[in-house]
Amino acid sequence: MRSYYFTFGCGTEHPFKGGWIIVKAKNKANAKKTFSLYFPDKSESGENNYAMIYSENEFKCTQMYENGNHGKRCHGIIEFKQLKHKVV
């Protein structure tokens, strides 16, 4: 699993003002789907309800990693654990 950082600006369509949510997923497409389960897009314009998505390596290269984002930091981590099924 990889970590993807969904950052927030000050837009009214964002669930938070500043900061970020970390989504652990296999890839960026799965991370977007997972994020949308928790924070569905409610805008009529079809715009995303987050500012940007960064991989962990990309995020560590930003000023946000050190200084926060609009005075906020991580709001939470979303991760689905894959269950192993026993075949009987």
Protein backbone atom coordinates (compact mmCIF):
# COMPACT_ATOMS: atom_id res chain seq x y z
CA MET A 1 0.00 0.00 0.00
CA ARG A 2 1.12 3.51 -0.79
CA SER A 3 0.20 6.77 0.92
CA TYR A 4 -1.56 9.52 -1.05
CA TYR A 5 -2.00 12.99 0.44
CA PHE A 6 -5.23 14.84 -0.42
CA THR A 7 -4.68 18.50 0.42
CA PHE A 8 -7.31 21.16 1.06
CA GLY A 9 -7.48 24.84 0.30
CA CYS A 10 -9.95 27.38 1.62
CA GLY A 11 -12.73 26.64 -0.89
CA THR A 12 -16.23 26.08 0.40
CA GLU A 13 -16.43 22.75 -1.45
CA HIS A 14 -13.54 21.28 0.60
CA PRO A 15 -14.45 19.26 3.71
CA PHE A 16 -11.62 20.95 5.66
CA LYS A 17 -9.92 24.35 5.49
CA GLY A 18 -6.25 23.54 5.00
CA GLY A 19 -4.41 20.41 6.04
CA TRP A 20 -4.68 17.02 4.39
CA ILE A 21 -6.06 13.49 4.57
CA ILE A 22 -3.81 10.49 3.90
CA VAL A 23 -5.35 7.63 1.93
CA LYS A 24 -3.49 4.32 1.81
CA ALA A 25 -4.16 2.50 -1.45
CA LYS A 26 -2.53 0.41 -4.19
CA ASN A 27 -2.54 3.31 -6.66
CA LYS A 28 -3.81 6.85 -7.20
CA ALA A 29 -7.04 5.71 -8.90
CA ASN A 30 -7.95 3.52 -5.90
CA ALA A 31 -7.01 6.34 -3.54
CA LYS A 32 -9.43 8.71 -5.35
CA LYS A 33 -12.24 6.13 -5.13
CA THR A 34 -11.59 5.58 -1.44
CA PHE A 35 -11.47 9.31 -0.75
CA SER A 36 -14.79 9.83 -2.53
CA LEU A 37 -16.46 7.18 -0.33
CA TYR A 38 -15.68 9.29 2.73
CA PHE A 39 -15.93 12.72 1.12
CA PRO A 40 -18.30 12.61 -1.87
CA ASP A 41 -18.18 15.57 -4.27
CA LYS A 42 -21.19 17.73 -3.49
CA SER A 43 -20.49 20.57 -5.90
CA GLU A 44 -22.62 21.07 -8.98
CA SER A 45 -19.61 22.26 -10.96
CA GLY A 46 -17.97 18.83 -10.89
CA GLU A 47 -14.78 20.24 -9.36
CA ASN A 48 -12.82 18.13 -6.91
CA ASN A 49 -13.42 18.67 -3.22
CA TYR A 50 -9.67 18.70 -2.56
CA ALA A 51 -6.87 20.91 -3.84
CA MET A 52 -4.22 18.39 -4.95
CA ILE A 53 -3.19 14.74 -4.57
CA TYR A 54 0.44 13.92 -3.85
CA SER A 55 2.29 10.63 -3.52
CA GLU A 56 4.25 10.38 -0.27
CA ASN A 57 7.53 11.18 -2.03
CA GLU A 58 5.99 14.19 -3.80
CA PHE A 59 4.42 15.45 -0.58
CA LYS A 60 7.69 15.25 1.34
CA CYS A 61 9.18 17.66 -1.21
CA THR A 62 6.57 20.35 -0.46
CA GLN A 63 6.65 23.11 2.15
CA MET A 64 3.44 21.63 3.59
CA TYR A 65 5.34 18.60 4.85
CA GLU A 66 7.41 20.83 7.14
CA ASN A 67 5.12 23.80 7.76
CA GLY A 68 1.53 22.57 7.44
CA ASN A 69 -1.11 23.74 4.99
CA HIS A 70 -3.04 26.93 5.81
CA GLY A 71 -2.14 26.43 9.47
CA LYS A 72 -3.39 22.82 9.60
CA ARG A 73 -1.82 19.39 9.32
CA CYS A 74 -3.15 15.83 8.94
CA HIS A 75 -6.88 15.41 9.65
CA GLY A 76 -6.80 11.62 9.43
CA ILE A 77 -5.72 8.45 7.64
CA ILE A 78 -8.06 6.25 5.60
CA GLU A 79 -7.05 2.66 4.94
CA PHE A 80 -8.99 -0.45 3.99
CA LYS A 81 -7.48 -3.71 5.11
CA GLN A 82 -7.85 -6.55 2.63
CA LEU A 83 -9.47 -9.56 4.24
CA LYS A 84 -8.21 -12.99 3.41
CA HIS A 85 -10.97 -15.48 2.69
CA LYS A 86 -10.73 -19.12 3.51
CA VAL A 87 -12.05 -21.46 0.85
CA VAL A 88 -13.79 -24.43 2.38
